[in-house]
Amino acid sequence: MNMQAVFHFLLMVVFLIIYVLAFIIVKPFLLNHKRLISTLSLKLSYLLYLLMLLVSVYLFMFYSPNDI
């Protein structure tokens, strides 16, 4: 295993831990019954935004524009 593959694996593990911790903190299944739609949309949009941010950081770190 070369060093770049180890770094890829470690970064994926760190990003996965960050996403799982955010999921635990946000608690998307704990909803406010008076404002059901807005609570759910805010929580899901935050988790989707975080996922897109982590994927884009990963792609920008390891791939050039020609590789994608």
N, C-alpha and C. Protein backbone atom coordinates (compact mmCIF):
# COMPACT_ATOMS: atom_id res chain seq x y z
N MET A 1 0.84 -1.19 0.00
CA MET A 1 0.00 0.00 0.00
C MET A 1 0.89 1.25 0.00
N ASN A 2 0.62 2.13 -0.93
CA ASN A 2 1.46 3.33 -0.96
C ASN A 2 0.90 4.41 -0.04
N MET A 3 1.67 5.44 0.12
CA MET A 3 1.33 6.49 1.09
C MET A 3 0.08 7.27 0.69
N GLN A 4 -0.11 7.47 -0.61
CA GLN A 4 -1.28 8.22 -1.07
C GLN A 4 -2.57 7.45 -0.78
N ALA A 5 -2.55 6.14 -0.94
CA ALA A 5 -3.74 5.33 -0.64
C ALA A 5 -4.06 5.37 0.85
N VAL A 6 -3.04 5.37 1.69
CA VAL A 6 -3.25 5.47 3.13
C VAL A 6 -3.85 6.83 3.48
N PHE A 7 -3.36 7.89 2.84
CA PHE A 7 -3.89 9.22 3.10
C PHE A 7 -5.34 9.34 2.63
N HIS A 8 -5.66 8.74 1.48
CA HIS A 8 -7.05 8.71 1.00
C HIS A 8 -7.94 8.03 2.04
N PHE A 9 -7.51 6.88 2.53
CA PHE A 9 -8.30 6.13 3.49
C PHE A 9 -8.49 6.91 4.79
N LEU A 10 -7.43 7.51 5.29
CA LEU A 10 -7.52 8.28 6.54
C LEU A 10 -8.45 9.49 6.39
N LEU A 11 -8.37 10.16 5.27
CA LEU A 11 -9.23 11.31 5.05
C LEU A 11 -10.70 10.89 4.93
N MET A 12 -10.95 9.77 4.27
CA MET A 12 -12.32 9.27 4.19
C MET A 12 -12.86 8.91 5.57
N VAL A 13 -12.03 8.31 6.41
CA VAL A 13 -12.45 7.96 7.77
C VAL A 13 -12.74 9.22 8.58
N VAL A 14 -11.89 10.22 8.48
CA VAL A 14 -12.10 11.47 9.21
C VAL A 14 -13.38 12.15 8.74
N PHE A 15 -13.61 12.20 7.43
CA PHE A 15 -14.83 12.82 6.91
C PHE A 15 -16.08 12.04 7.34
N LEU A 16 -15.98 10.73 7.36
CA LEU A 16 -17.10 9.91 7.81
C LEU A 16 -17.40 10.16 9.28
N ILE A 17 -16.37 10.29 10.10
CA ILE A 17 -16.57 10.59 11.53
C ILE A 17 -17.22 11.96 11.70
N ILE A 18 -16.77 12.95 10.92
CA ILE A 18 -17.36 14.29 10.99
C ILE A 18 -18.84 14.23 10.62
N TYR A 19 -19.17 13.48 9.57
CA TYR A 19 -20.56 13.42 9.14
C TYR A 19 -21.43 12.68 10.15
N VAL A 20 -20.92 11.60 10.72
CA VAL A 20 -21.69 10.86 11.73
C VAL A 20 -21.90 11.71 12.98
N LEU A 21 -20.87 12.44 13.40
CA LEU A 21 -21.04 13.33 14.55
C LEU A 21 -22.06 14.43 14.27
N ALA A 22 -22.04 14.98 13.07
CA ALA A 22 -23.04 16.00 12.72
C ALA A 22 -24.44 15.39 12.70
N PHE A 23 -24.55 14.17 12.23
CA PHE A 23 -25.85 13.48 12.22
C PHE A 23 -26.35 13.26 13.64
N ILE A 24 -25.46 12.90 14.54
CA ILE A 24 -25.84 12.68 15.94
C ILE A 24 -26.25 14.00 16.60
N ILE A 25 -25.52 15.06 16.32
CA ILE A 25 -25.81 16.35 16.94
C ILE A 25 -27.11 16.94 16.40
N VAL A 26 -27.33 16.86 15.08
CA VAL A 26 -28.51 17.46 14.47
C VAL A 26 -29.79 16.68 14.82
N LYS A 27 -29.68 15.38 14.99
CA LYS A 27 -30.84 14.52 15.31
C LYS A 27 -31.99 14.78 14.33
N PRO A 28 -31.83 14.35 13.08
CA PRO A 28 -32.84 14.68 12.08
C PRO A 28 -34.20 14.04 12.31
N PHE A 29 -34.27 13.01 13.13
CA PHE A 29 -35.55 12.35 13.37
C PHE A 29 -36.28 12.90 14.59
N LEU A 30 -35.66 13.84 15.27
CA LEU A 30 -36.31 14.51 16.40
C LEU A 30 -36.91 15.81 15.86
N LEU A 31 -38.22 15.81 15.69
CA LEU A 31 -38.87 16.92 15.01
C LEU A 31 -39.76 17.72 15.96
N ASN A 32 -39.89 19.00 15.63
CA ASN A 32 -40.82 19.86 16.35
C ASN A 32 -42.21 19.64 15.75
N HIS A 33 -43.19 19.31 16.57
CA HIS A 33 -44.51 18.97 16.03
C HIS A 33 -45.29 20.17 15.52
N LYS A 34 -44.99 21.36 16.02
CA LYS A 34 -45.66 22.57 15.52
C LYS A 34 -45.09 23.01 14.17
N ARG A 35 -43.80 22.84 14.01
CA ARG A 35 -43.12 23.28 12.77
C ARG A 35 -42.42 22.09 12.13
N LEU A 36 -43.17 21.14 11.72
CA LEU A 36 -42.64 19.87 11.22
C LEU A 36 -41.84 20.05 9.93
N ILE A 37 -42.42 20.72 8.96
CA ILE A 37 -41.78 20.85 7.65
C ILE A 37 -40.52 21.69 7.72
N SER A 38 -40.58 22.83 8.41
CA SER A 38 -39.41 23.70 8.46
C SER A 38 -38.26 23.05 9.24
N THR A 39 -38.58 22.33 10.31
CA THR A 39 -37.54 21.66 11.08
C THR A 39 -36.86 20.58 10.25
N LEU A 40 -37.67 19.80 9.58
CA LEU A 40 -37.12 18.72 8.75
C LEU A 40 -36.31 19.29 7.59
N SER A 41 -36.81 20.32 6.94
CA SER A 41 -36.07 20.88 5.81
C SER A 41 -34.75 21.52 6.24
N LEU A 42 -34.73 22.20 7.38
CA LEU A 42 -33.48 22.78 7.86
C LEU A 42 -32.45 21.71 8.19
N LYS A 43 -32.87 20.67 8.86
CA LYS A 43 -31.94 19.62 9.24
C LYS A 43 -31.42 18.86 8.02
N LEU A 44 -32.32 18.53 7.11
CA LEU A 44 -31.87 17.80 5.92
C LEU A 44 -31.02 18.67 5.00
N SER A 45 -31.34 19.94 4.90
CA SER A 45 -30.51 20.81 4.05
C SER A 45 -29.11 20.99 4.65
N TYR A 46 -29.02 21.06 5.98
CA TYR A 46 -27.71 21.16 6.60
C TYR A 46 -26.89 19.90 6.35
N LEU A 47 -27.50 18.73 6.51
CA LEU A 47 -26.76 17.49 6.28
C LEU A 47 -26.37 17.33 4.81
N LEU A 48 -27.23 17.74 3.91
CA LEU A 48 -26.90 17.69 2.49
C LEU A 48 -25.78 18.66 2.15
N TYR A 49 -25.82 19.86 2.71
CA TYR A 49 -24.76 20.85 2.50
C TYR A 49 -23.42 20.32 3.02
N LEU A 50 -23.43 19.72 4.19
CA LEU A 50 -22.20 19.17 4.76
C LEU A 50 -21.66 18.05 3.89
N LEU A 51 -22.54 17.20 3.40
CA LEU A 51 -22.10 16.11 2.52
C LEU A 51 -21.46 16.65 1.25
N MET A 52 -22.08 17.64 0.63
CA MET A 52 -21.53 18.22 -0.59
C MET A 52 -20.18 18.91 -0.32
N LEU A 53 -20.08 19.57 0.82
CA LEU A 53 -18.82 20.22 1.19
C LEU A 53 -17.71 19.20 1.37
N LEU A 54 -17.98 18.11 2.06
CA LEU A 54 -16.96 17.10 2.30
C LEU A 54 -16.54 16.42 1.00
N VAL A 55 -17.50 16.14 0.13
CA VAL A 55 -17.17 15.51 -1.16
C VAL A 55 -16.35 16.46 -2.02
N SER A 56 -16.72 17.73 -2.06
CA SER A 56 -15.96 18.67 -2.88
C SER A 56 -14.55 18.90 -2.33
N VAL A 57 -14.39 18.95 -1.02
CA VAL A 57 -13.05 19.08 -0.43
C VAL A 57 -12.20 17.87 -0.79
N TYR A 58 -12.79 16.69 -0.71
CA TYR A 58 -12.06 15.47 -1.05
C TYR A 58 -11.64 15.49 -2.52
N LEU A 59 -12.56 15.86 -3.41
CA LEU A 59 -12.24 15.88 -4.84
C LEU A 59 -11.18 16.93 -5.16
N PHE A 60 -11.27 18.10 -4.57
CA PHE A 60 -10.29 19.15 -4.84
C PHE A 60 -8.92 18.81 -4.28
N MET A 61 -8.86 18.04 -3.21
CA MET A 61 -7.57 17.69 -2.63
C MET A 61 -6.83 16.63 -3.44
N PHE A 62 -7.56 15.69 -4.02
CA PHE A 62 -6.89 14.54 -4.63
C PHE A 62 -6.97 14.46 -6.14
N TYR A 63 -7.82 15.24 -6.77
CA TYR A 63 -7.97 15.12 -8.22
C TYR A 63 -7.81 16.47 -8.88
N SER A 64 -7.18 16.45 -10.03
CA SER A 64 -7.05 17.68 -10.83
C SER A 64 -8.29 17.80 -11.72
N PRO A 65 -8.51 18.95 -12.33
CA PRO A 65 -9.70 19.12 -13.18
C PRO A 65 -9.72 18.14 -14.36
N ASN A 66 -8.56 17.68 -14.80
CA ASN A 66 -8.52 16.73 -15.92
C ASN A 66 -8.92 15.33 -15.52
N ASP A 67 -8.81 14.98 -14.22
CA ASP A 67 -9.13 13.63 -13.76
C ASP A 67 -10.62 13.43 -13.56
N ILE A 68 -11.34 14.50 -13.31
CA ILE A 68 -12.78 14.37 -12.99
C ILE A 68 -13.59 14.30 -14.21
